[in-house]
C-alpha atoms as a PDB file:
ATOM      1  CA  UNK A   1     -16.199 -11.254   2.478  1.00  0.00           C
ATOM      2  CA  UNK A   2     -12.433 -10.992   2.071  1.00  0.00           C
ATOM      3  CA  UNK A   3      -9.977 -13.809   2.550  1.00  0.00           C
ATOM      4  CA  UNK A   4      -6.256 -13.536   3.361  1.00  0.00           C
ATOM      5  CA  UNK A   5      -4.517 -15.630   0.623  1.00  0.00           C
ATOM      6  CA  UNK A   6      -1.863 -16.880   2.686  1.00  0.00           C
ATOM      7  CA  UNK A   7      -1.452 -20.538   3.579  1.00  0.00           C
ATOM      8  CA  UNK A   8      -4.345 -22.340   2.061  1.00  0.00           C
ATOM      9  CA  UNK A   9      -5.947 -25.879   2.187  1.00  0.00           C
ATOM     10  CA  UNK A  10      -9.575 -25.154   2.731  1.00  0.00           C
ATOM     11  CA  UNK A  11     -11.982 -28.194   3.045  1.00  0.00           C
ATOM     12  CA  UNK A  12     -14.997 -26.676   1.669  1.00  0.00           C
ATOM     13  CA  UNK A  13     -16.781 -29.958   2.885  1.00  0.00           C
ATOM     14  CA  UNK A  14     -15.933 -29.014   6.663  1.00  0.00           C
ATOM     15  CA  UNK A  15     -18.881 -28.919   9.104  1.00  0.00           C
ATOM     16  CA  UNK A  16     -19.128 -26.256  11.885  1.00  0.00           C
ATOM     17  CA  UNK A  17     -16.757 -25.200  14.411  1.00  0.00           C
ATOM     18  CA  UNK A  18     -17.603 -27.802  17.107  1.00  0.00           C
ATOM     19  CA  UNK A  19     -14.868 -30.265  15.342  1.00  0.00           C
ATOM     20  CA  UNK A  20     -11.587 -30.404  16.915  1.00  0.00           C
ATOM     21  CA  UNK A  21      -8.547 -29.004  14.969  1.00  0.00           C
ATOM     22  CA  UNK A  22      -6.750 -31.525  12.764  1.00  0.00           C
ATOM     23  CA  UNK A  23      -3.182 -32.586  14.209  1.00  0.00           C
ATOM     24  CA  UNK A  24      -0.236 -31.244  11.710  1.00  0.00           C
ATOM     25  CA  UNK A  25      -2.485 -28.595   9.647  1.00  0.00           C
ATOM     26  CA  UNK A  26      -2.200 -24.691  10.683  1.00  0.00           C
ATOM     27  CA  UNK A  27      -5.382 -23.478  12.442  1.00  0.00           C
ATOM     28  CA  UNK A  28      -7.895 -22.036  10.543  1.00  0.00           C
ATOM     29  CA  UNK A  29      -9.174 -18.820  12.020  1.00  0.00           C
ATOM     30  CA  UNK A  30     -11.774 -16.409  11.613  1.00  0.00           C
ATOM     31  CA  UNK A  31     -11.456 -12.782  12.101  1.00  0.00           C
ATOM     32  CA  UNK A  32     -14.582 -10.511  12.547  1.00  0.00           C
ATOM     33  CA  UNK A  33     -13.880  -6.643  13.023  1.00  0.00           C
ATOM     34  CA  UNK A  34     -16.064  -3.798  10.997  1.00  0.00           C
ATOM     35  CA  UNK A  35     -12.639  -1.583  11.067  1.00  0.00           C
ATOM     36  CA  UNK A  36     -10.710  -2.435   7.880  1.00  0.00           C
ATOM     37  CA  UNK A  37      -7.738  -1.277   9.475  1.00  0.00           C
ATOM     38  CA  UNK A  38      -7.624  -3.455  12.469  1.00  0.00           C
ATOM     39  CA  UNK A  39      -9.201  -6.240  10.383  1.00  0.00           C
ATOM     40  CA  UNK A  40      -6.390  -6.456   8.183  1.00  0.00           C
ATOM     41  CA  UNK A  41      -3.868  -6.244  10.358  1.00  0.00           C
ATOM     42  CA  UNK A  42      -4.892  -8.802  12.874  1.00  0.00           C
ATOM     43  CA  UNK A  43      -5.384 -10.809   9.389  1.00  0.00           C
ATOM     44  CA  UNK A  44      -1.941 -10.250   8.240  1.00  0.00           C
ATOM     45  CA  UNK A  45      -0.155 -10.944  11.318  1.00  0.00           C
ATOM     46  CA  UNK A  46      -2.204 -14.291  11.652  1.00  0.00           C
ATOM     47  CA  UNK A  47      -1.366 -15.218   8.094  1.00  0.00           C
ATOM     48  CA  UNK A  48       2.268 -14.422   8.575  1.00  0.00           C
ATOM     49  CA  UNK A  49       2.665 -16.659  11.481  1.00  0.00           C
ATOM     50  CA  UNK A  50       1.399 -19.592   9.503  1.00  0.00           C
ATOM     51  CA  UNK A  51      -2.492 -19.805   9.908  1.00  0.00           C
ATOM     52  CA  UNK A  52      -5.532 -19.663   7.363  1.00  0.00           C
ATOM     53  CA  UNK A  53      -7.205 -16.749   7.922  1.00  0.00           C
ATOM     54  CA  UNK A  54     -10.617 -15.525   6.611  1.00  0.00           C
ATOM     55  CA  UNK A  55     -11.678 -11.968   7.534  1.00  0.00           C
ATOM     56  CA  UNK A  56     -15.230 -10.784   7.480  1.00  0.00           C
ATOM     57  CA  UNK A  57     -16.699  -7.104   8.598  1.00  0.00           C
ATOM     58  CA  UNK A  58     -19.457  -7.883  10.958  1.00  0.00           C
ATOM     59  CA  UNK A  59     -21.050 -10.443  13.082  1.00  0.00           C
ATOM     60  CA  UNK A  60     -23.619 -11.415  10.467  1.00  0.00           C
ATOM     61  CA  UNK A  61     -21.013 -12.314   7.926  1.00  0.00           C
ATOM     62  CA  UNK A  62     -19.268 -13.737  10.385  1.00  0.00           C
ATOM     63  CA  UNK A  63     -22.110 -16.348  11.265  1.00  0.00           C
ATOM     64  CA  UNK A  64     -22.367 -17.246   7.482  1.00  0.00           C
ATOM     65  CA  UNK A  65     -18.906 -18.090   7.485  1.00  0.00           C
ATOM     66  CA  UNK A  66     -19.263 -20.244  10.224  1.00  0.00           C
ATOM     67  CA  UNK A  67     -22.105 -22.187   8.682  1.00  0.00           C
ATOM     68  CA  UNK A  68     -20.047 -23.093   5.565  1.00  0.00           C
ATOM     69  CA  UNK A  69     -16.637 -24.047   6.716  1.00  0.00           C
ATOM     70  CA  UNK A  70     -14.717 -25.327   9.951  1.00  0.00           C
ATOM     71  CA  UNK A  71     -12.734 -22.993  11.900  1.00  0.00           C
ATOM     72  CA  UNK A  72     -10.495 -23.698  15.034  1.00  0.00           C
ATOM     73  CA  UNK A  73     -10.673 -19.973  16.357  1.00  0.00           C
ATOM     74  CA  UNK A  74     -12.789 -16.888  16.261  1.00  0.00           C
ATOM     75  CA  UNK A  75     -11.156 -13.447  16.918  1.00  0.00           C
ATOM     76  CA  UNK A  76     -14.021 -11.057  16.989  1.00  0.00           C
ATOM     77  CA  UNK A  77     -14.764  -7.513  17.818  1.00  0.00           C
ATOM     78  CA  UNK A  78     -17.853  -6.414  19.822  1.00  0.00           C
ATOM     79  CA  UNK A  79     -19.286  -3.093  18.456  1.00  0.00           C
ATOM     80  CA  UNK A  80     -19.985  -4.186  14.936  1.00  0.00           C
ATOM     81  CA  UNK A  81     -23.058  -3.651  12.564  1.00  0.00           C
ATOM     82  CA  UNK A  82     -26.052  -6.212  11.947  1.00  0.00           C
ATOM     83  CA  UNK A  83     -24.667  -8.674  14.615  1.00  0.00           C
ATOM     84  CA  UNK A  84     -22.486  -7.514  17.490  1.00  0.00           C
ATOM     85  CA  UNK A  85     -19.569  -9.798  18.957  1.00  0.00           C
ATOM     86  CA  UNK A  86     -21.593 -10.740  22.241  1.00  0.00           C
ATOM     87  CA  UNK A  87     -24.695 -11.925  20.168  1.00  0.00           C
ATOM     88  CA  UNK A  88     -22.576 -13.747  17.660  1.00  0.00           C
ATOM     89  CA  UNK A  89     -21.015 -15.739  20.464  1.00  0.00           C
ATOM     90  CA  UNK A  90     -24.383 -16.398  21.955  1.00  0.00           C
ATOM     91  CA  UNK A  91     -25.652 -17.598  18.818  1.00  0.00           C
ATOM     92  CA  UNK A  92     -22.337 -19.693  18.274  1.00  0.00           C
ATOM     93  CA  UNK A  93     -23.388 -21.435  21.891  1.00  0.00           C
ATOM     94  CA  UNK A  94     -27.012 -21.780  21.294  1.00  0.00           C
ATOM     95  CA  UNK A  95     -25.801 -23.856  18.251  1.00  0.00           C
ATOM     96  CA  UNK A  96     -23.922 -26.183  20.428  1.00  0.00           C
ATOM     97  CA  UNK A  97     -20.785 -25.073  18.904  1.00  0.00           C
ATOM     98  CA  UNK A  98     -17.399 -25.476  20.972  1.00  0.00           C
ATOM     99  CA  UNK A  99     -15.530 -23.027  18.978  1.00  0.00           C
ATOM    100  CA  UNK A 100     -12.931 -21.114  20.846  1.00  0.00           C
ATOM    101  CA  UNK A 101     -13.617 -17.030  20.893  1.00  0.00           C
ATOM    102  CA  UNK A 102     -11.149 -14.366  21.613  1.00  0.00           C
ATOM    103  CA  UNK A 103     -12.837 -11.008  21.557  1.00  0.00           C
ATOM    104  CA  UNK A 104     -10.442  -8.199  20.501  1.00  0.00           C
ATOM    105  CA  UNK A 105     -12.262  -5.200  21.455  1.00  0.00           C
ATOM    106  CA  UNK A 106     -12.032  -1.806  23.410  1.00  0.00           C
ATOM    107  CA  UNK A 107     -15.879  -2.175  24.212  1.00  0.00           C
ATOM    108  CA  UNK A 108     -16.932  -5.364  25.254  1.00  0.00           C
ATOM    109  CA  UNK A 109     -18.831  -5.537  28.529  1.00  0.00           C
ATOM    110  CA  UNK A 110     -16.168  -7.032  30.888  1.00  0.00           C
ATOM    111  CA  UNK A 111     -18.814  -7.885  33.592  1.00  0.00           C
ATOM    112  CA  UNK A 112     -20.795  -9.636  31.176  1.00  0.00           C
ATOM    113  CA  UNK A 113     -17.903 -11.973  29.859  1.00  0.00           C
ATOM    114  CA  UNK A 114     -16.867 -12.714  33.412  1.00  0.00           C
ATOM    115  CA  UNK A 115     -19.967 -13.606  34.696  1.00  0.00           C
ATOM    116  CA  UNK A 116     -21.677 -15.514  31.960  1.00  0.00           C
ATOM    117  CA  UNK A 117     -20.025 -18.946  31.825  1.00  0.00           C
ATOM    118  CA  UNK A 118     -22.472 -19.891  28.575  1.00  0.00           C
ATOM    119  CA  UNK A 119     -20.579 -17.484  26.447  1.00  0.00           C
ATOM    120  CA  UNK A 120     -16.915 -19.572  26.861  1.00  0.00           C
ATOM    121  CA  UNK A 121     -15.064 -16.720  26.241  1.00  0.00           C
ATOM    122  CA  UNK A 122     -11.257 -18.202  25.722  1.00  0.00           C
ATOM    123  CA  UNK A 123      -9.394 -14.763  26.091  1.00  0.00           C
ATOM    124  CA  UNK A 124      -9.983 -11.079  25.708  1.00  0.00           C
ATOM    125  CA  UNK A 125      -7.496  -8.689  24.076  1.00  0.00           C
ATOM    126  CA  UNK A 126      -8.592  -4.986  25.422  1.00  0.00           C
ATOM    127  CA  UNK A 127      -7.617  -2.486  22.578  1.00  0.00           C
ATOM    128  CA  UNK A 128      -5.184  -1.257  22.016  1.00  0.00           C
ATOM    129  CA  UNK A 129      -3.018  -4.362  22.159  1.00  0.00           C
ATOM    130  CA  UNK A 130       0.378  -5.404  20.398  1.00  0.00           C
ATOM    131  CA  UNK A 131       0.752  -7.737  17.697  1.00  0.00           C
ATOM    132  CA  UNK A 132       2.972  -9.838  20.041  1.00  0.00           C
ATOM    133  CA  UNK A 133       0.169 -10.120  22.382  1.00  0.00           C
ATOM    134  CA  UNK A 134      -2.470 -11.202  19.629  1.00  0.00           C
ATOM    135  CA  UNK A 135      -0.010 -14.016  18.536  1.00  0.00           C
ATOM    136  CA  UNK A 136       0.722 -15.373  22.310  1.00  0.00           C
ATOM    137  CA  UNK A 137      -3.047 -15.379  22.805  1.00  0.00           C
ATOM    138  CA  UNK A 138      -4.136 -16.776  19.577  1.00  0.00           C
ATOM    139  CA  UNK A 139      -1.201 -19.549  20.198  1.00  0.00           C
ATOM    140  CA  UNK A 140      -2.282 -20.348  24.026  1.00  0.00           C
ATOM    141  CA  UNK A 141      -5.861 -20.675  23.058  1.00  0.00           C
ATOM    142  CA  UNK A 142      -5.368 -22.960  20.463  1.00  0.00           C
ATOM    143  CA  UNK A 143      -3.092 -25.176  22.527  1.00  0.00           C
ATOM    144  CA  UNK A 144      -5.428 -25.176  25.654  1.00  0.00           C
ATOM    145  CA  UNK A 145      -8.098 -27.631  26.387  1.00  0.00           C
ATOM    146  CA  UNK A 146     -11.425 -26.660  24.971  1.00  0.00           C
ATOM    147  CA  UNK A 147     -12.733 -26.246  28.628  1.00  0.00           C
ATOM    148  CA  UNK A 148     -10.580 -23.101  29.218  1.00  0.00           C
ATOM    149  CA  UNK A 149     -12.462 -19.724  29.699  1.00  0.00           C
ATOM    150  CA  UNK A 150     -11.759 -16.048  29.874  1.00  0.00           C
ATOM    151  CA  UNK A 151      -8.179 -15.003  30.424  1.00  0.00           C
ATOM    152  CA  UNK A 152      -7.385 -10.904  30.222  1.00  0.00           C
ATOM    153  CA  UNK A 153      -4.600  -9.647  28.466  1.00  0.00           C
ATOM    154  CA  UNK A 154      -3.606  -6.331  29.672  1.00  0.00           C
ATOM    155  CA  UNK A 155      -2.253  -3.928  26.983  1.00  0.00           C
ATOM    156  CA  UNK A 156       0.965  -2.677  26.956  1.00  0.00           C
ATOM    157  CA  UNK A 157       1.498  -0.350  24.219  1.00  0.00           C
ATOM    158  CA  UNK A 158      -0.713   0.880  21.513  1.00  0.00           C
ATOM    159  CA  UNK A 159      -0.598  -0.444  17.705  1.00  0.00           C
ATOM    160  CA  UNK A 160      -2.554   1.339  15.178  1.00  0.00           C
ATOM    161  CA  UNK A 161      -2.753   0.939  11.585  1.00  0.00           C
ATOM    162  CA  UNK A 162      -5.276   0.971   8.631  1.00  0.00           C
ATOM    163  CA  UNK A 163      -6.118  -0.358   5.445  1.00  0.00           C
ATOM    164  CA  UNK A 164      -6.892   2.804   3.566  1.00  0.00           C
ATOM    165  CA  UNK A 165      -6.670   4.418   0.044  1.00  0.00           C
ATOM    166  CA  UNK A 166      -7.486   8.040   0.326  1.00  0.00           C
ATOM    167  CA  UNK A 167     -10.536   7.243   2.615  1.00  0.00           C
ATOM    168  CA  UNK A 168     -10.785   8.454   6.275  1.00  0.00           C
ATOM    169  CA  UNK A 169     -11.400   5.461   8.616  1.00  0.00           C
ATOM    170  CA  UNK A 170     -12.955   6.147  12.099  1.00  0.00           C
ATOM    171  CA  UNK A 171     -11.013   6.310  15.259  1.00  0.00           C
ATOM    172  CA  UNK A 172     -13.433   3.870  16.802  1.00  0.00           C
ATOM    173  CA  UNK A 173     -12.437   2.876  20.449  1.00  0.00           C
ATOM    174  CA  UNK A 174      -8.836   2.919  19.684  1.00  0.00           C
ATOM    175  CA  UNK A 175      -6.602   5.842  21.100  1.00  0.00           C
ATOM    176  CA  UNK A 176      -5.411   8.082  18.348  1.00  0.00           C
ATOM    177  CA  UNK A 177      -1.803   8.270  19.350  1.00  0.00           C
ATOM    178  CA  UNK A 178       0.982   5.243  19.847  1.00  0.00           C
ATOM    179  CA  UNK A 179       2.785   5.408  23.231  1.00  0.00           C
ATOM    180  CA  UNK A 180       6.354   6.674  22.300  1.00  0.00           C
ATOM    181  CA  UNK A 181       8.842   6.160  25.134  1.00  0.00           C
ATOM    182  CA  UNK A 182      12.064   7.617  25.058  1.00  0.00           C
ATOM    183  CA  UNK A 183      15.084   5.620  24.866  1.00  0.00           C
ATOM    184  CA  UNK A 184      17.839   6.177  27.328  1.00  0.00           C
ATOM    185  CA  UNK A 185      20.523   8.417  25.602  1.00  0.00           C
ATOM    186  CA  UNK A 186      23.207   5.521  25.901  1.00  0.00           C
ATOM    187  CA  UNK A 187      21.247   3.757  23.452  1.00  0.00           C
ATOM    188  CA  UNK A 188      22.088   3.716  19.533  1.00  0.00           C
ATOM    189  CA  UNK A 189      19.226   5.582  17.490  1.00  0.00           C
ATOM    190  CA  UNK A 190      17.232   3.182  15.337  1.00  0.00           C
ATOM    191  CA  UNK A 191      16.322   4.206  11.685  1.00  0.00           C
ATOM    192  CA  UNK A 192      13.696   1.816   9.813  1.00  0.00           C
ATOM    193  CA  UNK A 193      14.149   1.849   6.194  1.00  0.00           C
ATOM    194  CA  UNK A 194      11.119   0.862   3.969  1.00  0.00           C
ATOM    195  CA  UNK A 195      12.044   0.412   0.479  1.00  0.00           C
ATOM    196  CA  UNK A 196      11.169  -2.479  -2.006  1.00  0.00           C
ATOM    197  CA  UNK A 197      14.672  -2.157  -3.616  1.00  0.00           C
ATOM    198  CA  UNK A 198      16.821  -4.655  -1.853  1.00  0.00           C
ATOM    199  CA  UNK A 199      19.960  -2.782  -3.369  1.00  0.00           C
ATOM    200  CA  UNK A 200      18.977   0.615  -2.253  1.00  0.00           C
ATOM    201  CA  UNK A 201      17.712  -0.773   1.011  1.00  0.00           C
ATOM    202  CA  UNK A 202      21.075  -2.479   1.677  1.00  0.00           C
ATOM    203  CA  UNK A 203      23.059   0.435   0.698  1.00  0.00           C
ATOM    204  CA  UNK A 204      21.550   2.914   2.873  1.00  0.00           C
ATOM    205  CA  UNK A 205      21.506   0.501   5.737  1.00  0.00           C
ATOM    206  CA  UNK A 206      25.301   0.209   5.298  1.00  0.00           C
ATOM    207  CA  UNK A 207      25.711   3.857   5.371  1.00  0.00           C
ATOM    208  CA  UNK A 208      23.414   4.445   8.483  1.00  0.00           C
ATOM    209  CA  UNK A 209      25.140   1.656  10.322  1.00  0.00           C
ATOM    210  CA  UNK A 210      28.794   3.270   9.573  1.00  0.00           C
ATOM    211  CA  UNK A 211      26.980   6.306  11.451  1.00  0.00           C
ATOM    212  CA  UNK A 212      26.230   4.386  14.550  1.00  0.00           C
ATOM    213  CA  UNK A 213      22.492   3.966  13.938  1.00  0.00           C
ATOM    214  CA  UNK A 214      20.645   0.509  14.592  1.00  0.00           C
ATOM    215  CA  UNK A 215      18.763  -0.157  10.947  1.00  0.00           C
ATOM    216  CA  UNK A 216      15.808  -2.176  10.407  1.00  0.00           C
ATOM    217  CA  UNK A 217      14.201  -2.928   7.083  1.00  0.00           C
ATOM    218  CA  UNK A 218      10.741  -3.130   5.649  1.00  0.00           C
ATOM    219  CA  UNK A 219      10.147  -4.561   1.654  1.00  0.00           C
ATOM    220  CA  UNK A 220       6.838  -2.870   1.484  1.00  0.00           C
ATOM    221  CA  UNK A 221       4.025  -0.547   3.307  1.00  0.00           C
ATOM    222  CA  UNK A 222       2.266  -3.311   5.360  1.00  0.00           C
ATOM    223  CA  UNK A 223       5.900  -4.332   6.778  1.00  0.00           C
ATOM    224  CA  UNK A 224       6.903  -0.704   7.622  1.00  0.00           C
ATOM    225  CA  UNK A 225       3.891   0.335   9.285  1.00  0.00           C
ATOM    226  CA  UNK A 226       3.664  -2.814  11.511  1.00  0.00           C
ATOM    227  CA  UNK A 227       7.201  -2.792  12.116  1.00  0.00           C
ATOM    228  CA  UNK A 228       7.178   1.151  13.135  1.00  0.00           C
ATOM    229  CA  UNK A 229       4.098   0.530  15.514  1.00  0.00           C
ATOM    230  CA  UNK A 230       5.843  -2.788  17.293  1.00  0.00           C
ATOM    231  CA  UNK A 231       9.127  -1.629  17.245  1.00  0.00           C
ATOM    232  CA  UNK A 232       9.062   2.282  17.472  1.00  0.00           C
ATOM    233  CA  UNK A 233      12.295   3.681  15.706  1.00  0.00           C
ATOM    234  CA  UNK A 234      13.517   7.218  15.906  1.00  0.00           C
ATOM    235  CA  UNK A 235      13.051   7.857  12.216  1.00  0.00           C
ATOM    236  CA  UNK A 236      11.583   6.306   8.995  1.00  0.00           C
ATOM    237  CA  UNK A 237      13.056   6.618   5.380  1.00  0.00           C
ATOM    238  CA  UNK A 238      10.082   5.887   3.272  1.00  0.00           C
ATOM    239  CA  UNK A 239       9.797   5.116  -0.286  1.00  0.00           C
ATOM    240  CA  UNK A 240       6.810   5.871  -2.361  1.00  0.00           C
ATOM    241  CA  UNK A 241       6.753   2.731  -5.034  1.00  0.00           C
ATOM    242  CA  UNK A 242       6.126   0.021  -2.838  1.00  0.00           C
ATOM    243  CA  UNK A 243       3.744  -3.128  -3.009  1.00  0.00           C
ATOM    244  CA  UNK A 244       1.377  -3.947  -0.121  1.00  0.00           C
ATOM    245  CA  UNK A 245       0.323  -0.413   0.777  1.00  0.00           C
ATOM    246  CA  UNK A 246       2.394   2.412  -1.190  1.00  0.00           C
ATOM    247  CA  UNK A 247       4.672   4.854   0.475  1.00  0.00           C
ATOM    248  CA  UNK A 248       1.625   7.581   0.864  1.00  0.00           C
ATOM    249  CA  UNK A 249      -0.644   4.952   2.083  1.00  0.00           C
ATOM    250  CA  UNK A 250       1.891   3.922   4.710  1.00  0.00           C
ATOM    251  CA  UNK A 251       2.545   7.391   5.533  1.00  0.00           C
ATOM    252  CA  UNK A 252      -0.967   8.208   6.167  1.00  0.00           C
ATOM    253  CA  UNK A 253      -1.188   5.183   8.811  1.00  0.00           C
ATOM    254  CA  UNK A 254       2.071   6.156  10.629  1.00  0.00           C
ATOM    255  CA  UNK A 255       1.126   9.696  10.593  1.00  0.00           C
ATOM    256  CA  UNK A 256      -2.178   8.488  12.646  1.00  0.00           C
ATOM    257  CA  UNK A 257      -0.646   5.937  14.738  1.00  0.00           C
ATOM    258  CA  UNK A 258       2.947   7.646  15.837  1.00  0.00           C
ATOM    259  CA  UNK A 259       2.395  11.302  14.795  1.00  0.00           C
ATOM    260  CA  UNK A 260       5.632  12.560  16.037  1.00  0.00           C
ATOM    261  CA  UNK A 261       7.788   9.995  14.213  1.00  0.00           C
ATOM    262  CA  UNK A 262       9.948  11.946  11.878  1.00  0.00           C
ATOM    263  CA  UNK A 263       9.594  10.500   8.185  1.00  0.00           C
ATOM    264  CA  UNK A 264      11.585  11.236   5.321  1.00  0.00           C
ATOM    265  CA  UNK A 265      10.111  10.318   1.885  1.00  0.00           C
ATOM    266  CA  UNK A 266      12.449   9.508  -0.658  1.00  0.00           C
ATOM    267  CA  UNK A 267      11.303   8.532  -3.952  1.00  0.00           C
ATOM    268  CA  UNK A 268      11.966   8.212  -7.907  1.00  0.00           C
ATOM    269  CA  UNK A 269       8.411   9.193  -8.421  1.00  0.00           C
ATOM    270  CA  UNK A 270       8.295  12.439 -10.011  1.00  0.00           C
ATOM    271  CA  UNK A 271       6.064  15.427  -8.908  1.00  0.00           C
ATOM    272  CA  UNK A 272       5.469  14.524  -5.669  1.00  0.00           C
ATOM    273  CA  UNK A 273       6.894  17.315  -3.320  1.00  0.00           C
ATOM    274  CA  UNK A 274       3.700  19.349  -3.264  1.00  0.00           C
ATOM    275  CA  UNK A 275       1.656  16.250  -1.923  1.00  0.00           C
ATOM    276  CA  UNK A 276       4.346  16.056   0.545  1.00  0.00           C
ATOM    277  CA  UNK A 277       4.044  19.621   1.715  1.00  0.00           C
ATOM    278  CA  UNK A 278       0.218  19.389   1.778  1.00  0.00           C
ATOM    279  CA  UNK A 279       0.423  16.430   4.086  1.00  0.00           C
ATOM    280  CA  UNK A 280       3.211  17.626   6.256  1.00  0.00           C
ATOM    281  CA  UNK A 281       6.039  15.432   5.539  1.00  0.00           C
ATOM    282  CA  UNK A 282       9.135  16.236   7.420  1.00  0.00           C
ATOM    283  CA  UNK A 283      11.432  15.943   4.606  1.00  0.00           C
ATOM    284  CA  UNK A 284      11.803  14.938   1.029  1.00  0.00           C
ATOM    285  CA  UNK A 285      14.295  13.644  -1.322  1.00  0.00           C
ATOM    286  CA  UNK A 286      14.208  12.570  -4.767  1.00  0.00           C
ATOM    287  CA  UNK A 287      16.157   9.695  -6.505  1.00  0.00           C
ATOM    288  CA  UNK A 288      19.128   9.556  -7.090  1.00  0.00           C
ATOM    289  CA  UNK A 289      19.883  10.284  -3.436  1.00  0.00           C
ATOM    290  CA  UNK A 290      22.501  12.689  -2.292  1.00  0.00           C
ATOM    291  CA  UNK A 291      23.766  10.515   0.525  1.00  0.00           C
ATOM    292  CA  UNK A 292      25.560  13.512   2.662  1.00  0.00           C
ATOM    293  CA  UNK A 293      22.529  15.677   2.591  1.00  0.00           C
ATOM    294  CA  UNK A 294      20.056  12.808   3.587  1.00  0.00           C
ATOM    295  CA  UNK A 295      22.461  11.728   6.348  1.00  0.00           C
ATOM    296  CA  UNK A 296      22.409  15.536   7.807  1.00  0.00           C
ATOM    297  CA  UNK A 297      19.038  15.771   7.843  1.00  0.00           C
ATOM    298  CA  UNK A 298      18.474  12.547   9.643  1.00  0.00           C
ATOM    299  CA  UNK A 299      20.659  13.397  12.066  1.00  0.00           C
ATOM    300  CA  UNK A 300      19.208  16.715  12.476  1.00  0.00           C
ATOM    301  CA  UNK A 301      15.603  15.428  12.913  1.00  0.00           C
ATOM    302  CA  UNK A 302      16.406  12.481  15.128  1.00  0.00           C
ATOM    303  CA  UNK A 303      18.462  15.126  17.712  1.00  0.00           C
ATOM    304  CA  UNK A 304      15.388  17.216  17.672  1.00  0.00           C
ATOM    305  CA  UNK A 305      13.730  16.999  21.216  1.00  0.00           C
ATOM    306  CA  UNK A 306      10.177  16.292  21.001  1.00  0.00           C
ATOM    307  CA  UNK A 307       8.644  19.760  22.118  1.00  0.00           C
ATOM    308  CA  UNK A 308      10.841  21.564  19.678  1.00  0.00           C
ATOM    309  CA  UNK A 309       9.306  18.649  17.284  1.00  0.00           C
ATOM    310  CA  UNK A 310       5.819  19.557  18.243  1.00  0.00           C
ATOM    311  CA  UNK A 311       6.125  23.087  17.540  1.00  0.00           C
ATOM    312  CA  UNK A 312       7.646  22.730  14.250  1.00  0.00           C
ATOM    313  CA  UNK A 313       4.980  20.621  12.854  1.00  0.00           C
ATOM    314  CA  UNK A 314       2.020  22.387  14.660  1.00  0.00           C
ATOM    315  CA  UNK A 315       3.465  25.858  13.247  1.00  0.00           C
ATOM    316  CA  UNK A 316       1.099  26.816  10.315  1.00  0.00           C
ATOM    317  CA  UNK A 317       4.210  28.053   8.577  1.00  0.00           C
ATOM    318  CA  UNK A 318       5.750  24.704   8.437  1.00  0.00           C
ATOM    319  CA  UNK A 319       6.834  23.436   5.207  1.00  0.00           C
ATOM    320  CA  UNK A 320       8.381  20.104   4.225  1.00  0.00           C
ATOM    321  CA  UNK A 321      11.914  20.434   3.641  1.00  0.00           C
ATOM    322  CA  UNK A 322      13.238  19.745   0.333  1.00  0.00           C
ATOM    323  CA  UNK A 323      16.656  17.845   0.386  1.00  0.00           C
ATOM    324  CA  UNK A 324      17.775  18.932  -3.023  1.00  0.00           C
ATOM    325  CA  UNK A 325      21.094  20.738  -2.333  1.00  0.00           C
ATOM    326  CA  UNK A 326      24.431  20.515  -0.242  1.00  0.00           C
ATOM    327  CA  UNK A 327      22.803  23.269   2.069  1.00  0.00           C
ATOM    328  CA  UNK A 328      19.658  21.393   2.606  1.00  0.00           C
END
């Protein structure tokens, strides 16, 4: 059982979740999802929003957690090993718990949810969904009277990320590609800088803003992935030495979620170019950075139309561009 160690203050003597939430303290939320990717991102998003979060990998673990601690809300997938989400909810209701439940799944039986008042589903989030939709739904459910039942939230745009260290994770029920709508030509292009060094990040931001780009910043790999999927930049500058997912971990998640998003790896870590080539990175530059070369590469990649970009990255002869000279 994995606990997200953001706001704490757990009462180990609390009884089951039929108790009402205590005014003035953050809501305690239990997240159950067998996909480590989804479980991690939901948990991080909720913890960053100020909730106490505990995350488990299947329905049976969730049931055991409910027997030992008080929770104000359960966010659960349906298709899970040992105990599916619907069966977990049935068990909760059989025990008389009034715990609010949100089903966040791409495979839950919609008609069953709608037609079975005994389940008392507070809300459903069909995957894929946006993190903002998750947070809005959680806040609405926690603020609603316990008698409220199912509210359906349609997905507006895919978010997809993972908690992975060189281990492939299943696609499960989520589509592979995130939707990437084209911005009008009049809008400035957006660059996300993922870099834990605030001096380097700020310097790059100043240069790119002077070139007319809108710049977003991320301090670690998790922030980079979450921000890119939520806000869809036109290009990512990705450092490798970052906390909470290093650059390669973040790249693997971005490549799965937004495969057409241009990514330039910038790093002081030695001997990484061969890995960049193997993974199909768009461009690669070692620190100290050659800023004019880097800016030219950014302009070229952002200006490339989608069809040309697809042809380039699917060409068997494609090789990551090494940005190491004025001719790069």
